[in-house]
C-alpha cells in the first residue's frame, strides 16, 4: 500500500514538472513576449507604463513622442483641443499623483 502511494505521488510530481516554465517576470512583461502572445499595442504600452511607474522612471508614450518637438503655438493649440475634448490623450493617463484632496486638475 505504501509503495502504491509513493508511486502515485512520484507520477503526479513528474506530471507537474512540465508546468513549471523557466521564464522570469521581466521576460513575461517584455513587449516582444506580449506581442507574440497576442496582446494589443495598447496593453503593451500600459504594461510598460506600469513598469516605469513602479521603477520611478519617466515613460514617454508613442503619441507624446510624436509631439515632443512641436513649437509653443502648436502645443498651445493641441492643449486647447485636449482641454475641450476630454477623449484626447494629454499624457497624464496612468501618470498622475494620487491626491487626497480634490483639485481642478481632476476634472
N, C-alpha and C. Protein backbone atom coordinates (compact mmCIF):
# COMPACT_ATOMS: atom_id res chain seq x y z
N UNK A 1 0.82 -1.20 0.00
CA UNK A 1 0.00 0.00 0.00
C UNK A 1 0.86 1.26 0.00
N UNK A 2 1.95 1.23 0.79
CA UNK A 2 2.83 2.39 0.84
C UNK A 2 3.52 2.60 -0.49
N UNK A 3 3.84 1.51 -1.16
CA UNK A 3 4.52 1.63 -2.45
C UNK A 3 3.57 2.24 -3.48
N UNK A 4 2.31 1.88 -3.46
CA UNK A 4 1.34 2.46 -4.38
C UNK A 4 1.20 3.96 -4.16
N UNK A 5 1.14 4.37 -2.92
CA UNK A 5 1.04 5.80 -2.61
C UNK A 5 2.30 6.53 -3.04
N UNK A 6 3.45 5.91 -2.80
CA UNK A 6 4.71 6.51 -3.21
C UNK A 6 4.80 6.62 -4.73
N UNK A 7 4.42 5.59 -5.45
CA UNK A 7 4.44 5.62 -6.90
C UNK A 7 3.43 6.64 -7.46
N UNK A 8 2.26 6.72 -6.84
CA UNK A 8 1.26 7.69 -7.27
C UNK A 8 1.78 9.12 -7.06
N UNK A 9 2.40 9.38 -5.92
CA UNK A 9 2.97 10.70 -5.65
C UNK A 9 4.10 11.01 -6.61
N UNK A 10 4.90 10.01 -6.95
CA UNK A 10 6.00 10.19 -7.88
C UNK A 10 5.48 10.49 -9.29
N UNK A 11 4.45 9.79 -9.72
CA UNK A 11 3.87 10.03 -11.04
C UNK A 11 3.25 11.42 -11.11
N UNK A 12 2.55 11.83 -10.07
CA UNK A 12 1.93 13.15 -10.03
C UNK A 12 3.01 14.24 -10.04
N UNK A 13 4.10 14.02 -9.33
CA UNK A 13 5.16 15.04 -9.32
C UNK A 13 5.83 15.14 -10.67
N UNK A 14 6.01 14.01 -11.37
CA UNK A 14 6.59 14.08 -12.71
C UNK A 14 5.62 14.70 -13.71
N UNK A 15 4.34 14.52 -13.50
CA UNK A 15 3.35 15.13 -14.40
C UNK A 15 3.31 16.65 -14.22
N UNK A 16 3.65 17.14 -13.03
CA UNK A 16 3.60 18.58 -12.77
C UNK A 16 4.88 19.29 -13.19
N UNK A 17 5.94 18.56 -13.49
CA UNK A 17 7.20 19.20 -13.85
C UNK A 17 7.13 20.06 -15.12
N UNK A 18 6.48 19.63 -16.19
CA UNK A 18 6.45 20.48 -17.38
C UNK A 18 5.67 21.78 -17.19
N UNK A 19 4.84 21.86 -16.17
CA UNK A 19 4.06 23.08 -15.96
C UNK A 19 4.90 24.21 -15.39
N UNK A 20 6.09 23.92 -14.91
CA UNK A 20 6.98 24.96 -14.40
C UNK A 20 7.82 25.50 -15.53
N UNK A 21 7.48 26.66 -16.01
CA UNK A 21 8.21 27.26 -17.12
C UNK A 21 9.36 28.10 -16.57
N UNK A 22 10.45 28.12 -17.29
CA UNK A 22 11.60 28.91 -16.88
C UNK A 22 11.55 30.27 -17.56
N UNK A 23 10.64 31.10 -17.10
CA UNK A 23 10.51 32.45 -17.63
C UNK A 23 10.42 33.42 -16.46
N UNK A 24 11.17 34.49 -16.56
CA UNK A 24 11.20 35.46 -15.48
C UNK A 24 10.10 36.50 -15.69
N UNK A 25 9.74 37.24 -14.66
CA UNK A 25 8.75 38.30 -14.82
C UNK A 25 9.19 39.39 -15.80
N UNK A 26 10.49 39.63 -15.89
CA UNK A 26 10.98 40.63 -16.83
C UNK A 26 10.72 40.16 -18.26
N UNK A 27 10.96 38.88 -18.52
CA UNK A 27 10.69 38.34 -19.85
C UNK A 27 9.20 38.31 -20.14
N UNK A 28 8.40 37.99 -19.13
CA UNK A 28 6.94 37.88 -19.33
C UNK A 28 6.29 39.22 -19.59
N UNK A 29 6.93 40.31 -19.19
CA UNK A 29 6.34 41.63 -19.42
C UNK A 29 7.08 42.41 -20.50
N UNK A 30 7.96 41.76 -21.24
CA UNK A 30 8.66 42.45 -22.33
C UNK A 30 7.70 42.65 -23.51
N UNK A 31 7.89 43.72 -24.28
CA UNK A 31 6.98 43.98 -25.41
C UNK A 31 6.96 42.86 -26.44
N UNK A 32 8.11 42.27 -26.73
CA UNK A 32 8.15 41.19 -27.72
C UNK A 32 7.34 39.98 -27.25
N UNK A 33 7.49 39.62 -25.98
CA UNK A 33 6.76 38.47 -25.45
C UNK A 33 5.25 38.73 -25.48
N UNK A 34 4.85 39.93 -25.07
CA UNK A 34 3.42 40.25 -25.06
C UNK A 34 2.85 40.30 -26.47
N UNK A 35 3.61 40.85 -27.43
CA UNK A 35 3.15 40.91 -28.81
C UNK A 35 3.02 39.51 -29.40
N UNK A 36 3.98 38.63 -29.09
CA UNK A 36 3.95 37.26 -29.62
C UNK A 36 2.83 36.43 -29.01
N UNK A 37 2.33 36.85 -27.87
CA UNK A 37 1.23 36.12 -27.23
C UNK A 37 -0.13 36.77 -27.47
N UNK A 38 -0.21 37.68 -28.45
CA UNK A 38 -1.49 38.17 -28.92
C UNK A 38 -2.05 39.40 -28.22
N UNK A 39 -1.25 40.12 -27.46
CA UNK A 39 -1.74 41.32 -26.80
C UNK A 39 -1.66 42.51 -27.74
N UNK A 40 -2.55 43.46 -27.54
CA UNK A 40 -2.59 44.63 -28.41
C UNK A 40 -1.51 45.63 -28.02
N UNK A 41 -1.30 46.58 -28.91
CA UNK A 41 -0.31 47.62 -28.65
C UNK A 41 -0.65 48.48 -27.44
N UNK A 42 -1.94 48.69 -27.22
CA UNK A 42 -2.37 49.49 -26.06
C UNK A 42 -2.05 48.78 -24.75
N UNK A 43 -2.28 47.49 -24.71
CA UNK A 43 -1.97 46.72 -23.49
C UNK A 43 -0.47 46.70 -23.26
N UNK A 44 0.30 46.54 -24.33
CA UNK A 44 1.76 46.53 -24.20
C UNK A 44 2.25 47.86 -23.64
N UNK A 45 1.68 48.96 -24.15
CA UNK A 45 2.08 50.27 -23.67
C UNK A 45 1.66 50.49 -22.21
N UNK A 46 0.50 50.00 -21.83
CA UNK A 46 0.07 50.13 -20.43
C UNK A 46 0.97 49.33 -19.49
N UNK A 47 1.40 48.15 -19.92
CA UNK A 47 2.32 47.34 -19.10
C UNK A 47 3.64 48.08 -18.94
N UNK A 48 4.15 48.66 -20.02
CA UNK A 48 5.41 49.40 -19.94
C UNK A 48 5.27 50.65 -19.06
N UNK A 49 4.12 51.32 -19.13
CA UNK A 49 3.89 52.49 -18.27
C UNK A 49 3.83 52.08 -16.80
N UNK A 50 3.20 50.95 -16.53
CA UNK A 50 3.11 50.47 -15.15
C UNK A 50 4.48 50.09 -14.62
N UNK A 51 5.28 49.41 -15.45
CA UNK A 51 6.63 49.05 -15.04
C UNK A 51 7.48 50.29 -14.78
N UNK A 52 7.38 51.28 -15.66
CA UNK A 52 8.16 52.51 -15.47
C UNK A 52 7.71 53.25 -14.22
N UNK A 53 6.40 53.27 -13.97
CA UNK A 53 5.90 53.93 -12.76
C UNK A 53 6.35 53.22 -11.49
N UNK A 54 6.39 51.89 -11.53
CA UNK A 54 6.83 51.13 -10.36
C UNK A 54 8.32 51.33 -10.09
N UNK A 55 9.08 51.55 -11.16
CA UNK A 55 10.52 51.76 -11.01
C UNK A 55 10.88 53.22 -10.83
N UNK A 56 9.90 54.11 -10.88
CA UNK A 56 10.16 55.54 -10.71
C UNK A 56 10.83 56.17 -11.91
N UNK A 57 10.57 55.61 -13.10
CA UNK A 57 11.17 56.13 -14.32
C UNK A 57 10.13 56.89 -15.13
N UNK A 58 10.61 57.78 -15.97
CA UNK A 58 9.72 58.53 -16.87
C UNK A 58 9.48 57.69 -18.11
N UNK A 59 8.23 57.59 -18.53
CA UNK A 59 7.88 56.84 -19.75
C UNK A 59 7.14 57.77 -20.69
N UNK A 60 7.65 57.92 -21.88
CA UNK A 60 7.01 58.78 -22.88
C UNK A 60 6.29 57.86 -23.86
N UNK A 61 4.99 58.08 -24.01
CA UNK A 61 4.21 57.24 -24.90
C UNK A 61 4.56 57.54 -26.35
N UNK A 62 4.15 56.64 -27.22
CA UNK A 62 4.44 56.80 -28.65
C UNK A 62 3.76 58.07 -29.18
N UNK A 63 2.52 58.32 -28.76
CA UNK A 63 1.80 59.50 -29.24
C UNK A 63 2.44 60.79 -28.76
N UNK A 64 2.89 60.81 -27.51
CA UNK A 64 3.51 62.03 -26.99
C UNK A 64 4.91 62.24 -27.55
N UNK A 65 5.58 61.18 -27.95
CA UNK A 65 6.90 61.32 -28.55
C UNK A 65 6.81 62.00 -29.92
N UNK A 66 5.67 61.82 -30.60
CA UNK A 66 5.49 62.46 -31.91
C UNK A 66 5.42 63.98 -31.77
N UNK A 67 4.90 64.45 -30.66
CA UNK A 67 4.67 65.89 -30.47
C UNK A 67 5.72 66.54 -29.56
N UNK A 68 6.83 65.87 -29.33
CA UNK A 68 7.84 66.39 -28.41
C UNK A 68 8.54 67.63 -28.97
N UNK A 69 8.71 67.73 -30.28
CA UNK A 69 9.46 68.84 -30.88
C UNK A 69 8.57 69.91 -31.49
N UNK A 70 7.32 69.96 -31.11
CA UNK A 70 6.41 70.96 -31.66
C UNK A 70 6.73 72.33 -31.09
N UNK A 71 6.34 73.38 -31.82
CA UNK A 71 6.54 74.75 -31.35
C UNK A 71 5.54 75.05 -30.23
N UNK A 72 5.76 76.18 -29.56
CA UNK A 72 4.89 76.55 -28.44
C UNK A 72 3.46 76.78 -28.90
N UNK A 73 3.30 77.40 -30.08
CA UNK A 73 1.95 77.67 -30.58
C UNK A 73 1.22 76.37 -30.90
N UNK A 74 1.91 75.44 -31.52
CA UNK A 74 1.29 74.15 -31.86
C UNK A 74 0.92 73.40 -30.57
N UNK A 75 1.81 73.44 -29.57
CA UNK A 75 1.49 72.79 -28.28
C UNK A 75 0.30 73.45 -27.61
N UNK A 76 0.22 74.81 -27.70
CA UNK A 76 -0.90 75.52 -27.09
C UNK A 76 -2.21 75.13 -27.77
N UNK A 77 -2.22 75.07 -29.10
CA UNK A 77 -3.43 74.68 -29.84
C UNK A 77 -3.81 73.24 -29.50
N UNK A 78 -2.83 72.36 -29.44
CA UNK A 78 -3.09 70.96 -29.10
C UNK A 78 -3.65 70.84 -27.68
N UNK A 79 -3.05 71.55 -26.73
CA UNK A 79 -3.55 71.51 -25.36
C UNK A 79 -4.94 72.11 -25.24
N UNK A 80 -5.24 73.12 -26.06
CA UNK A 80 -6.58 73.71 -26.08
C UNK A 80 -7.61 72.68 -26.53
N UNK A 81 -7.29 71.97 -27.62
CA UNK A 81 -8.23 70.94 -28.09
C UNK A 81 -8.34 69.78 -27.10
N UNK A 82 -7.25 69.46 -26.42
CA UNK A 82 -7.31 68.42 -25.38
C UNK A 82 -8.19 68.88 -24.24
N UNK A 83 -8.13 70.17 -23.89
CA UNK A 83 -8.96 70.70 -22.83
C UNK A 83 -10.44 70.66 -23.21
N UNK A 84 -10.74 70.94 -24.48
CA UNK A 84 -12.13 70.93 -24.95
C UNK A 84 -12.66 69.51 -25.05
N UNK A 85 -11.86 68.60 -25.60
CA UNK A 85 -12.29 67.22 -25.82
C UNK A 85 -11.56 66.30 -24.84
N UNK A 86 -12.21 65.85 -23.80
CA UNK A 86 -11.52 65.02 -22.80
C UNK A 86 -11.15 63.63 -23.32
N UNK A 87 -11.63 63.24 -24.50
CA UNK A 87 -11.27 61.94 -25.04
C UNK A 87 -9.86 61.93 -25.60
N UNK A 88 -9.28 63.10 -25.87
CA UNK A 88 -7.92 63.16 -26.38
C UNK A 88 -6.94 62.93 -25.24
N UNK A 89 -5.82 62.30 -25.57
CA UNK A 89 -4.83 61.95 -24.55
C UNK A 89 -3.90 63.13 -24.32
N UNK A 90 -3.80 63.55 -23.06
CA UNK A 90 -2.88 64.63 -22.72
C UNK A 90 -1.60 64.12 -22.08
N UNK A 91 -1.43 62.80 -22.01
CA UNK A 91 -0.21 62.23 -21.45
C UNK A 91 -0.26 62.01 -19.97
N UNK A 92 -1.39 62.29 -19.33
CA UNK A 92 -1.47 62.11 -17.88
C UNK A 92 -2.11 60.78 -17.49
N UNK A 93 -2.48 59.97 -18.47
CA UNK A 93 -3.10 58.68 -18.16
C UNK A 93 -2.08 57.77 -17.50
N UNK A 94 -2.44 57.27 -16.33
CA UNK A 94 -1.59 56.39 -15.52
C UNK A 94 -0.30 57.06 -15.06
N UNK A 95 -0.19 58.37 -15.21
CA UNK A 95 0.99 59.09 -14.75
C UNK A 95 0.55 60.31 -13.94
N UNK A 96 -0.18 60.10 -12.91
CA UNK A 96 -0.62 61.20 -12.08
C UNK A 96 -0.35 60.87 -10.62
N UNK A 97 -0.27 61.90 -9.82
CA UNK A 97 -0.09 61.70 -8.39
C UNK A 97 -1.46 61.53 -7.75
N UNK A 98 -1.57 60.56 -6.86
CA UNK A 98 -2.82 60.35 -6.15
C UNK A 98 -2.93 61.42 -5.06
N UNK A 99 -3.97 62.22 -5.14
CA UNK A 99 -4.16 63.29 -4.18
C UNK A 99 -5.36 62.94 -3.30
N UNK A 100 -5.26 63.29 -2.05
CA UNK A 100 -6.38 63.02 -1.13
C UNK A 100 -7.38 64.17 -1.11
N UNK A 101 -7.01 65.29 -1.72
CA UNK A 101 -7.89 66.46 -1.74
C UNK A 101 -8.27 66.74 -3.20
N UNK A 102 -9.56 66.99 -3.47
CA UNK A 102 -9.96 67.29 -4.86
C UNK A 102 -9.26 68.55 -5.36
N UNK A 103 -8.99 68.56 -6.65
CA UNK A 103 -8.28 69.67 -7.28
C UNK A 103 -8.90 69.91 -8.64
N UNK A 104 -8.70 71.09 -9.23
CA UNK A 104 -9.32 71.38 -10.51
C UNK A 104 -8.73 70.52 -11.63
N UNK A 105 -7.55 69.93 -11.44
CA UNK A 105 -6.98 69.04 -12.45
C UNK A 105 -7.74 67.72 -12.56
N UNK A 106 -8.56 67.41 -11.57
CA UNK A 106 -9.30 66.15 -11.57
C UNK A 106 -10.44 66.14 -12.56
N UNK A 107 -10.83 67.30 -13.05
CA UNK A 107 -11.97 67.39 -13.96
C UNK A 107 -11.62 66.94 -15.35
